[in-house]
């Protein structure tokens, strides 16, 4: 975000870490609050969460000029509530201004346009910064931005996380936990005291682990390529030598790997998870696999007295990094509840879908739709080119219609720029299409659209596009 010159009282969009911009207001920090060292920053109170944070100047934008832009890219319910809170504030402020015109300014009232004194940190230990009227915020060495909860509403941030989950019961019997505090905007997640293990540091797993650490969880990591663990060890994670060791050391072990074979091998292979499972240990499979694999894993884990949950995630590398994944969970409901702080750290919403296997089914359906849609968009772009139409104009028109979305805009722009850096591997979406088609066969349900898309992705794989982004399916149409 560009550097701006702002003053106390200004409304802004503040970007904290990897999380989306959030509406806030520049306010004066408490007098005895130490100033952050290093880059210039402002003290911001966020709307909707009533939290405060030091935000670097380059991570701020003025509110009004960027309002439409931000509303377009952020659609969450809590985000809309925050925007509504800004509008309520503006209405009240307008009413006060009208009263002050007739009655004059109140004695001792602060002038909102007072120039902001640029703050610089003098103490490297950000966890030492606190509002004296507030209960101490739990130290978190992985959370590089300091947040203060508004003293008037201490329960908002200090209340146990299990009491702050918003539960939505649906007609289907599924349950959704809206991860109200999954963003660092609130920053008040109370991490579970259970020891967390994580196996698999790929595109999705890396972002998940980073957010678990950032929110204060104790995490032990393992990856087939051990070098990938180094960064997380530097951030405070512990290293497990084998999947079995991680499972034996930890209370809850997550796994996020590429396909059904990798998921089975991780559990039942040499030095696998199964060797470390003891009664009461929890195992959570986050990989996108078929329901049959989930059933098999559930059976072997529970046969050792372990507790099993599947929790595949809908999203991409960017959403994983941003802690904005959607988690689909099924299996042991008590494990789901035990993982509430973990799911809040890694995602914006989680759904509990009942018995093990249901999350795998739902995830495959979602990815089947996404994969088919991406192939259709690529087909449209290449047909536009083949008929002498401007691909950019095609995209501009598309993004003004009913199909407008961040997904369409980003994928198409990347295609036009020749940028196929993976956000979600093409080989993985092809695997998901194949599994979805197989699932349709077992249910005696036709999937002709998915079958056609699958053939296009297989063609792209033959053109060495497996490790590129799913948008590289475009190349299947131009070769």
Protein backbone atom coordinates (compact mmCIF):
# COMPACT_ATOMS: atom_id res chain seq x y z
CA UNK A 1 0.00 0.00 0.00
CA UNK A 2 1.31 3.46 -0.85
CA UNK A 3 2.67 5.84 1.78
CA UNK A 4 0.18 8.54 2.75
CA UNK A 5 0.23 11.63 4.99
CA UNK A 6 -2.48 11.27 7.62
CA UNK A 7 -3.60 12.98 10.80
CA UNK A 8 -5.25 11.97 14.06
CA UNK A 9 -8.96 11.54 13.45
CA UNK A 10 -8.60 10.41 9.82
CA UNK A 11 -10.49 7.36 8.70
CA UNK A 12 -8.26 4.80 7.00
CA UNK A 13 -7.90 1.32 5.60
CA UNK A 14 -5.20 -0.44 7.60
CA UNK A 15 -3.44 -3.59 6.41
CA UNK A 16 -1.98 -5.74 9.15
CA UNK A 17 0.47 -8.45 8.10
CA UNK A 18 -0.95 -10.83 5.52
CA UNK A 19 -4.55 -9.96 6.28
CA UNK A 20 -6.99 -7.88 4.20
CA UNK A 21 -7.29 -4.11 4.67
CA UNK A 22 -9.74 -3.20 7.46
CA UNK A 23 -11.49 0.12 8.21
CA UNK A 24 -10.19 2.09 11.14
CA UNK A 25 -9.49 5.53 12.60
CA UNK A 26 -6.17 7.08 13.57
CA UNK A 27 -6.26 7.86 17.29
CA UNK A 28 -3.85 9.06 19.94
CA UNK A 29 -2.02 6.25 21.70
CA UNK A 30 -2.05 6.05 25.50
CA UNK A 31 0.49 8.46 26.97
CA UNK A 32 2.58 5.75 28.60
CA UNK A 33 2.55 3.43 25.59
CA UNK A 34 6.06 2.99 24.20
CA UNK A 35 6.56 4.02 20.60
CA UNK A 36 7.37 1.31 18.04
CA UNK A 37 10.94 1.40 16.80
CA UNK A 38 11.90 1.53 13.15
CA UNK A 39 9.44 2.47 10.41
CA UNK A 40 6.94 5.29 10.86
CA UNK A 41 3.49 4.17 11.91
CA UNK A 42 0.13 5.34 13.23
CA UNK A 43 -1.96 4.05 16.11
CA UNK A 44 -5.24 2.79 14.64
CA UNK A 45 -8.53 1.78 16.23
CA UNK A 46 -10.36 -0.76 14.04
CA UNK A 47 -14.10 -0.59 13.49
CA UNK A 48 -16.17 -3.67 14.22
CA UNK A 49 -13.50 -5.27 16.41
CA UNK A 50 -12.72 -2.33 18.72
CA UNK A 51 -9.07 -3.37 18.69
CA UNK A 52 -6.01 -1.14 18.25
CA UNK A 53 -2.72 -1.66 16.46
CA UNK A 54 0.43 0.14 15.38
CA UNK A 55 0.21 0.18 11.56
CA UNK A 56 3.09 1.16 9.31
CA UNK A 57 2.45 4.26 7.23
CA UNK A 58 2.91 2.38 3.96
CA UNK A 59 0.16 -0.03 5.03
CA UNK A 60 -2.48 2.72 5.29
CA UNK A 61 -4.87 4.24 2.75
CA UNK A 62 -7.40 7.06 3.31
CA UNK A 63 -10.90 5.68 3.79
CA UNK A 64 -13.12 7.53 1.33
CA UNK A 65 -11.01 7.42 -1.87
CA UNK A 66 -10.56 3.66 -1.55
CA UNK A 67 -13.95 2.66 -0.13
CA UNK A 68 -15.43 1.22 -3.34
CA UNK A 69 -12.21 -0.62 -4.14
CA UNK A 70 -12.09 -2.28 -0.72
CA UNK A 71 -15.77 -3.19 -0.65
CA UNK A 72 -15.37 -4.83 -4.05
CA UNK A 73 -12.56 -7.14 -2.93
CA UNK A 74 -13.82 -7.93 0.58
CA UNK A 75 -17.24 -9.59 0.91
CA UNK A 76 -17.24 -11.11 4.40
CA UNK A 77 -20.08 -10.52 6.84
CA UNK A 78 -17.81 -9.13 9.56
CA UNK A 79 -16.13 -6.86 7.05
CA UNK A 80 -19.54 -5.46 6.04
CA UNK A 81 -20.40 -4.95 9.70
CA UNK A 82 -17.17 -2.99 10.12
CA UNK A 83 -18.03 -0.78 7.12
CA UNK A 84 -21.52 -0.23 8.55
CA UNK A 85 -19.89 0.84 11.82
CA UNK A 86 -17.87 3.46 9.90
CA UNK A 87 -21.03 4.80 8.28
CA UNK A 88 -22.76 5.00 11.67
CA UNK A 89 -19.75 6.88 13.02
CA UNK A 90 -19.89 9.35 10.14
CA UNK A 91 -23.60 9.99 10.67
CA UNK A 92 -23.08 10.64 14.37
CA UNK A 93 -20.10 12.88 13.65
CA UNK A 94 -22.16 14.89 11.17
CA UNK A 95 -24.87 15.35 13.78
CA UNK A 96 -22.32 16.55 16.34
CA UNK A 97 -20.87 19.02 13.84
CA UNK A 98 -24.32 20.49 13.23
CA UNK A 99 -24.91 20.87 16.97
CA UNK A 100 -21.50 22.45 17.47
CA UNK A 101 -22.28 25.08 14.83
CA UNK A 102 -25.13 26.38 16.99
CA UNK A 103 -23.74 25.68 20.46
CA UNK A 104 -20.01 26.05 19.93
CA UNK A 105 -17.29 23.56 20.75
CA UNK A 106 -17.38 21.78 24.10
CA UNK A 107 -14.74 22.84 26.55
CA UNK A 108 -11.66 20.67 26.43
CA UNK A 109 -12.80 18.77 23.30
CA UNK A 110 -9.90 17.43 21.23
CA UNK A 111 -9.49 18.77 17.74
CA UNK A 112 -9.82 15.84 15.30
CA UNK A 113 -7.46 17.40 12.77
CA UNK A 114 -4.51 17.63 15.14
CA UNK A 115 -1.43 16.51 13.18
CA UNK A 116 -0.35 12.98 14.11
CA UNK A 117 3.01 12.69 15.78
CA UNK A 118 4.94 10.05 13.85
CA UNK A 119 5.61 7.09 16.14
CA UNK A 120 8.88 5.17 16.25
CA UNK A 121 9.59 2.02 18.26
CA UNK A 122 12.17 2.34 21.03
CA UNK A 123 11.68 -1.13 22.45
CA UNK A 124 12.15 -4.21 20.28
CA UNK A 125 9.93 -6.26 22.59
CA UNK A 126 6.54 -5.43 21.16
CA UNK A 127 4.82 -7.74 23.61
CA UNK A 128 5.75 -5.27 26.34
CA UNK A 129 3.44 -2.64 24.86
CA UNK A 130 0.13 -2.57 26.67
CA UNK A 131 -2.71 -0.35 27.70
CA UNK A 132 -2.52 0.04 31.49
CA UNK A 133 -6.30 -0.09 31.75
CA UNK A 134 -6.40 -3.44 29.96
CA UNK A 135 -5.58 -6.94 31.14
CA UNK A 136 -2.20 -8.08 29.77
CA UNK A 137 -2.34 -9.55 26.29
CA UNK A 138 -0.78 -13.00 26.18
CA UNK A 139 2.81 -12.86 24.90
CA UNK A 140 3.15 -14.15 21.34
CA UNK A 141 6.66 -14.14 19.84
CA UNK A 142 5.30 -14.96 16.40
CA UNK A 143 2.83 -12.07 16.24
CA UNK A 144 4.87 -9.16 14.92
CA UNK A 145 2.15 -6.54 15.32
CA UNK A 146 0.87 -5.51 18.73
CA UNK A 147 -2.88 -5.29 19.29
CA UNK A 148 -4.73 -3.74 22.17
CA UNK A 149 -8.36 -4.55 22.92
CA UNK A 150 -10.52 -1.62 23.84
CA UNK A 151 -10.74 -1.38 27.62
CA UNK A 152 -14.47 -0.66 27.57
CA UNK A 153 -15.08 -4.12 26.08
CA UNK A 154 -12.59 -6.51 27.60
CA UNK A 155 -14.81 -9.53 27.07
CA UNK A 156 -14.54 -9.05 23.32
CA UNK A 157 -10.90 -10.10 23.32
CA UNK A 158 -10.25 -11.84 26.63
CA UNK A 159 -13.25 -14.16 26.65
CA UNK A 160 -12.39 -17.83 25.99
CA UNK A 161 -12.48 -18.53 22.28
CA UNK A 162 -15.00 -21.35 22.68
CA UNK A 163 -17.53 -18.83 23.97
CA UNK A 164 -17.05 -16.48 21.04
CA UNK A 165 -17.73 -18.93 18.22
CA UNK A 166 -20.75 -18.10 16.16
CA UNK A 167 -22.61 -21.34 15.53
CA UNK A 168 -25.02 -21.67 12.62
CA UNK A 169 -27.23 -24.75 12.44
CA UNK A 170 -28.49 -25.53 8.95
CA UNK A 171 -31.39 -27.64 7.74
CA UNK A 172 -28.89 -30.25 6.57
CA UNK A 173 -27.67 -30.74 10.11
CA UNK A 174 -24.27 -29.28 9.29
CA UNK A 175 -22.75 -26.65 11.49
CA UNK A 176 -20.70 -23.62 10.59
CA UNK A 177 -18.25 -21.89 12.87
CA UNK A 178 -17.70 -18.36 11.66
CA UNK A 179 -14.09 -17.68 12.63
CA UNK A 180 -14.84 -14.20 13.85
CA UNK A 181 -11.31 -13.69 15.10
CA UNK A 182 -9.42 -15.48 12.33
CA UNK A 183 -7.87 -12.27 11.12
CA UNK A 184 -5.09 -10.45 12.88
CA UNK A 185 -7.41 -7.46 12.87
CA UNK A 186 -8.85 -8.86 16.08
CA UNK A 187 -5.64 -10.57 17.10
CA UNK A 188 -7.25 -11.98 20.23
CA UNK A 189 -7.36 -15.69 19.49
CA UNK A 190 -6.68 -17.67 22.62
CA UNK A 191 -4.51 -20.52 21.33
CA UNK A 192 -5.26 -24.00 22.61
CA UNK A 193 -2.82 -25.32 25.18
CA UNK A 194 -2.70 -28.59 23.27
CA UNK A 195 0.48 -29.42 21.38
CA UNK A 196 -0.05 -29.18 17.63
CA UNK A 197 1.72 -31.25 14.99
CA UNK A 198 1.70 -30.48 11.27
CA UNK A 199 2.79 -32.79 8.46
CA UNK A 200 3.25 -31.37 4.95
CA UNK A 201 4.56 -27.87 4.17
CA UNK A 202 3.38 -27.43 0.60
CA UNK A 203 1.50 -24.47 -0.90
CA UNK A 204 -1.36 -24.79 1.57
CA UNK A 205 0.42 -26.25 4.58
CA UNK A 206 3.06 -23.51 4.74
CA UNK A 207 0.50 -20.73 5.10
CA UNK A 208 -1.49 -22.71 7.64
CA UNK A 209 1.54 -23.36 9.85
CA UNK A 210 2.63 -19.74 9.61
CA UNK A 211 -0.76 -18.58 10.90
CA UNK A 212 -0.85 -21.18 13.67
CA UNK A 213 2.52 -19.91 14.89
CA UNK A 214 1.51 -16.28 14.49
CA UNK A 215 -1.50 -16.82 16.74
CA UNK A 216 0.57 -18.41 19.49
CA UNK A 217 0.12 -22.15 18.97
CA UNK A 218 2.91 -24.56 19.88
CA UNK A 219 3.62 -26.39 16.62
CA UNK A 220 5.89 -29.30 15.69
CA UNK A 221 6.47 -29.68 11.95
CA UNK A 222 7.62 -32.41 9.58
CA UNK A 223 8.01 -32.42 5.82
CA UNK A 224 9.28 -35.03 3.40
CA UNK A 225 11.79 -32.43 2.14
CA UNK A 226 13.30 -31.44 5.49
CA UNK A 227 14.73 -28.13 4.24
CA UNK A 228 11.20 -26.70 4.06
CA UNK A 229 11.02 -26.92 7.85
CA UNK A 230 13.93 -24.51 8.38
CA UNK A 231 11.93 -21.29 7.99
CA UNK A 232 9.31 -22.44 10.48
CA UNK A 233 11.93 -23.54 12.99
CA UNK A 234 13.28 -19.99 12.80
CA UNK A 235 9.77 -18.73 13.52
CA UNK A 236 9.52 -20.88 16.64
CA UNK A 237 8.24 -24.26 15.45
CA UNK A 238 9.74 -27.49 16.72
CA UNK A 239 11.10 -30.17 14.38
CA UNK A 240 9.79 -33.72 14.24
CA UNK A 241 12.07 -36.35 12.70
CA UNK A 242 9.26 -38.63 11.48
CA UNK A 243 5.45 -38.56 11.24
CA UNK A 244 5.36 -41.15 14.04
CA UNK A 245 7.44 -38.91 16.32
CA UNK A 246 5.22 -35.90 15.63
CA UNK A 247 2.07 -37.89 16.38
CA UNK A 248 3.54 -39.26 19.62
CA UNK A 249 4.78 -35.82 20.77
CA UNK A 250 1.59 -33.90 19.96
CA UNK A 251 -2.01 -33.95 21.15
CA UNK A 252 -3.41 -32.96 17.73
CA UNK A 253 -1.66 -33.76 14.46
CA UNK A 254 -2.69 -32.21 11.14
CA UNK A 255 -1.73 -33.54 7.72
CA UNK A 256 -1.92 -31.76 4.37
CA UNK A 257 -0.41 -33.68 1.46
CA UNK A 258 -0.96 -34.07 -2.27
CA UNK A 259 -3.16 -37.12 -2.92
CA UNK A 260 -4.72 -40.31 -1.50
CA UNK A 261 -1.52 -42.36 -1.84
CA UNK A 262 0.54 -39.76 0.01
CA UNK A 263 -2.13 -39.54 2.72
CA UNK A 264 -2.16 -43.33 3.21
CA UNK A 265 1.63 -43.63 3.19
CA UNK A 266 1.93 -40.88 5.79
CA UNK A 267 -0.29 -42.81 8.18
CA UNK A 268 0.44 -46.46 7.41
CA UNK A 269 3.93 -46.33 5.89
CA UNK A 270 7.29 -46.78 7.64
CA UNK A 271 7.58 -44.49 10.69
CA UNK A 272 4.05 -43.40 9.89
CA UNK A 273 1.51 -41.61 12.06
CA UNK A 274 -0.14 -44.85 13.12
CA UNK A 275 2.99 -45.83 15.07
CA UNK A 276 2.67 -42.70 17.18
CA UNK A 277 -1.07 -42.85 17.82
CA UNK A 278 -2.12 -43.58 21.40
CA UNK A 279 -5.56 -43.44 23.03
CA UNK A 280 -6.86 -39.88 22.99
CA UNK A 281 -4.45 -38.62 20.32
CA UNK A 282 -6.16 -36.66 17.54
CA UNK A 283 -5.41 -36.92 13.82
CA UNK A 284 -6.82 -34.45 11.31
CA UNK A 285 -6.57 -35.13 7.57
CA UNK A 286 -6.65 -31.86 5.62
CA UNK A 287 -5.69 -33.32 2.24
CA UNK A 288 -8.24 -33.37 -0.58
CA UNK A 289 -8.79 -37.09 -1.10
CA UNK A 290 -11.64 -39.48 -1.89
CA UNK A 291 -14.19 -40.61 0.74
CA UNK A 292 -12.85 -44.17 0.66
CA UNK A 293 -9.41 -43.02 1.75
CA UNK A 294 -10.98 -41.02 4.59
CA UNK A 295 -12.95 -44.06 5.74
CA UNK A 296 -9.82 -46.20 5.75
CA UNK A 297 -7.76 -43.63 7.66
CA UNK A 298 -10.55 -43.10 10.17
CA UNK A 299 -10.76 -46.82 10.84
CA UNK A 300 -7.04 -47.36 11.40
CA UNK A 301 -6.67 -44.28 13.63
CA UNK A 302 -9.66 -45.14 15.81
CA UNK A 303 -8.54 -48.79 16.01
CA UNK A 304 -5.56 -47.54 18.03
CA UNK A 305 -7.78 -45.46 20.31
CA UNK A 306 -7.14 -42.27 18.39
CA UNK A 307 -9.71 -39.65 17.44
CA UNK A 308 -10.18 -38.73 13.77
CA UNK A 309 -11.39 -35.69 11.88
CA UNK A 310 -11.16 -34.81 8.20
CA UNK A 311 -10.81 -31.11 7.41
CA UNK A 312 -9.97 -30.37 3.76
CA UNK A 313 -9.73 -26.68 2.90
CA UNK A 314 -11.21 -24.61 0.09
CA UNK A 315 -8.87 -21.89 -1.09
CA UNK A 316 -5.48 -21.19 -2.57
CA UNK A 317 -1.93 -20.43 -1.50
CA UNK A 318 -2.78 -16.74 -1.13
CA UNK A 319 -5.86 -17.44 0.99
CA UNK A 320 -3.82 -19.87 3.06
CA UNK A 321 -1.20 -17.19 3.66
CA UNK A 322 -3.94 -14.70 4.53
CA UNK A 323 -5.62 -17.05 7.01
CA UNK A 324 -8.81 -16.88 4.95
CA UNK A 325 -9.40 -20.53 4.05
CA UNK A 326 -12.78 -22.25 4.32
CA UNK A 327 -12.50 -25.46 6.34
CA UNK A 328 -14.85 -28.39 5.70
CA UNK A 329 -14.77 -30.78 8.64
CA UNK A 330 -16.39 -34.15 9.36
CA UNK A 331 -15.87 -37.00 11.78
CA UNK A 332 -15.37 -36.69 15.55
CA UNK A 333 -17.26 -33.58 16.65
CA UNK A 334 -15.24 -33.25 19.87
CA UNK A 335 -12.01 -33.03 17.85
CA UNK A 336 -13.61 -30.28 15.76
CA UNK A 337 -14.37 -28.33 18.92
CA UNK A 338 -10.89 -28.93 20.33
CA UNK A 339 -9.44 -27.41 17.16
CA UNK A 340 -11.48 -24.20 17.25
CA UNK A 341 -8.49 -21.90 17.83
CA UNK A 342 -6.53 -23.66 15.08
CA UNK A 343 -9.35 -23.30 12.57
CA UNK A 344 -9.79 -19.66 13.49
CA UNK A 345 -6.10 -19.02 12.94
CA UNK A 346 -6.06 -20.61 9.48
CA UNK A 347 -9.50 -19.80 8.10
CA UNK A 348 -12.37 -17.35 7.95
CA UNK A 349 -15.09 -20.00 8.30
CA UNK A 350 -15.36 -23.70 9.09
CA UNK A 351 -18.25 -26.09 8.54
CA UNK A 352 -18.91 -29.34 10.37
CA UNK A 353 -20.62 -31.72 7.94
CA UNK A 354 -21.33 -34.80 10.02
CA UNK A 355 -19.81 -38.26 9.55
CA UNK A 356 -16.33 -38.84 8.14
CA UNK A 357 -16.34 -38.82 4.34
CA UNK A 358 -18.85 -36.00 3.94
CA UNK A 359 -16.15 -33.31 3.86
CA UNK A 360 -14.23 -35.21 1.18
CA UNK A 361 -17.39 -35.46 -0.93
CA UNK A 362 -18.18 -31.76 -0.57
CA UNK A 363 -14.58 -30.75 -1.28
CA UNK A 364 -14.44 -32.79 -4.48
CA UNK A 365 -17.71 -31.26 -5.68
CA UNK A 366 -16.40 -27.75 -5.02
CA UNK A 367 -13.12 -28.40 -6.82
CA UNK A 368 -14.95 -30.09 -9.68
CA UNK A 369 -16.93 -26.89 -10.21
CA UNK A 370 -13.84 -24.68 -9.89
CA UNK A 371 -11.79 -26.81 -12.29
CA UNK A 372 -14.55 -26.95 -14.88
CA UNK A 373 -15.12 -23.21 -14.60
CA UNK A 374 -11.42 -22.43 -15.06
CA UNK A 375 -11.28 -24.59 -18.18
CA UNK A 376 -14.33 -22.81 -19.58
CA UNK A 377 -12.78 -19.38 -18.94
CA UNK A 378 -9.60 -20.49 -20.73
CA UNK A 379 -11.69 -21.75 -23.61
CA UNK A 380 -13.46 -18.41 -23.86
CA UNK A 381 -10.20 -16.47 -23.87
CA UNK A 382 -8.72 -18.58 -26.65
CA UNK A 383 -11.93 -18.49 -28.68
CA UNK A 384 -11.91 -14.70 -28.42
CA UNK A 385 -8.38 -14.65 -29.80
CA UNK A 386 -9.21 -17.13 -32.56
CA UNK A 387 -12.14 -14.99 -33.75
CA UNK A 388 -10.20 -11.73 -33.75
CA UNK A 389 -11.59 -10.36 -30.49
CA UNK A 390 -9.56 -8.60 -27.84
CA UNK A 391 -8.91 -10.88 -24.88
CA UNK A 392 -8.56 -7.87 -22.57
CA UNK A 393 -11.91 -6.51 -23.73
CA UNK A 394 -13.44 -9.94 -23.16
CA UNK A 395 -12.11 -9.85 -19.60
CA UNK A 396 -13.28 -6.26 -19.05
CA UNK A 397 -16.80 -7.17 -20.14
CA UNK A 398 -16.77 -10.37 -18.09
CA UNK A 399 -15.75 -8.48 -14.94
CA UNK A 400 -18.65 -6.05 -15.34
CA UNK A 401 -21.27 -8.80 -15.50
CA UNK A 402 -22.80 -11.37 -13.19
CA UNK A 403 -19.73 -13.61 -13.27
CA UNK A 404 -17.44 -10.87 -11.96
CA UNK A 405 -15.21 -12.12 -9.15
CA UNK A 406 -11.72 -11.75 -7.79
CA UNK A 407 -11.03 -15.30 -8.99
CA UNK A 408 -11.96 -14.53 -12.61
CA UNK A 409 -10.09 -11.24 -12.66
CA UNK A 410 -6.88 -12.59 -11.13
CA UNK A 411 -6.74 -15.79 -13.17
CA UNK A 412 -7.46 -14.03 -16.46
CA UNK A 413 -4.97 -11.24 -15.78
CA UNK A 414 -2.34 -13.85 -14.98
CA UNK A 415 -3.09 -15.65 -18.23
CA UNK A 416 -2.79 -12.45 -20.26
CA UNK A 417 0.51 -11.68 -18.51
CA UNK A 418 1.82 -15.22 -19.02
CA UNK A 419 2.14 -15.63 -15.26
CA UNK A 420 1.40 -19.20 -14.21
CA UNK A 421 3.11 -19.21 -10.83
CA UNK A 422 1.14 -21.80 -8.83
CA UNK A 423 -1.51 -20.63 -6.41
CA UNK A 424 -3.15 -24.05 -6.73
CA UNK A 425 -1.32 -26.73 -8.71
CA UNK A 426 -2.82 -27.80 -12.02
CA UNK A 427 -1.95 -31.43 -11.28
CA UNK A 428 -3.99 -31.24 -8.08
CA UNK A 429 -7.13 -29.86 -9.70
CA UNK A 430 -6.88 -32.60 -12.33
CA UNK A 431 -6.60 -35.16 -9.53
CA UNK A 432 -9.70 -33.66 -7.89
CA UNK A 433 -11.64 -33.81 -11.16
CA UNK A 434 -10.67 -37.46 -11.59
CA UNK A 435 -11.79 -38.29 -8.05
CA UNK A 436 -15.06 -36.36 -8.50
CA UNK A 437 -15.83 -38.24 -11.71
CA UNK A 438 -15.16 -41.53 -9.93
CA UNK A 439 -17.44 -40.46 -7.09
CA UNK A 440 -20.15 -39.68 -9.65
CA UNK A 441 -19.73 -43.13 -11.19
CA UNK A 442 -20.21 -44.81 -7.80
CA UNK A 443 -23.35 -42.74 -7.22
CA UNK A 444 -24.55 -43.52 -10.77
CA UNK A 445 -24.63 -39.77 -11.43
CA UNK A 446 -23.46 -38.30 -14.75
CA UNK A 447 -20.58 -35.79 -14.74
CA UNK A 448 -20.08 -34.98 -18.45
CA UNK A 449 -18.88 -31.41 -17.87
CA UNK A 450 -16.25 -32.53 -15.38
CA UNK A 451 -15.20 -35.34 -17.72
CA UNK A 452 -14.67 -32.89 -20.57
CA UNK A 453 -12.70 -30.51 -18.35
CA UNK A 454 -10.61 -33.41 -17.06
CA UNK A 455 -9.46 -34.21 -20.59
CA UNK A 456 -8.33 -30.62 -21.10
CA UNK A 457 -6.30 -30.71 -17.88
CA UNK A 458 -4.77 -34.04 -18.90
CA UNK A 459 -3.73 -32.36 -22.14
CA UNK A 460 -2.16 -29.52 -20.15
CA UNK A 461 -0.27 -32.03 -18.00
CA UNK A 462 1.09 -33.65 -21.15
CA UNK A 463 2.42 -30.20 -22.05
CA UNK A 464 4.42 -30.11 -18.77
CA UNK A 465 2.02 -27.77 -16.97
CA UNK A 466 1.51 -29.99 -13.91
CA UNK A 467 3.45 -27.78 -11.52
CA UNK A 468 1.98 -24.53 -12.83
CA UNK A 469 -1.19 -22.85 -11.63
CA UNK A 470 -4.60 -24.20 -12.66
CA UNK A 471 -4.88 -21.24 -15.05
CA UNK A 472 -2.16 -22.90 -17.17
CA UNK A 473 -4.98 -25.05 -18.57
CA UNK A 474 -5.09 -22.14 -21.05
CA UNK A 475 -2.01 -23.61 -22.72
CA UNK A 476 -3.90 -26.77 -23.59
CA UNK A 477 -5.92 -24.67 -26.05
CA UNK A 478 -3.00 -22.94 -27.78
CA UNK A 479 -0.75 -25.94 -28.47
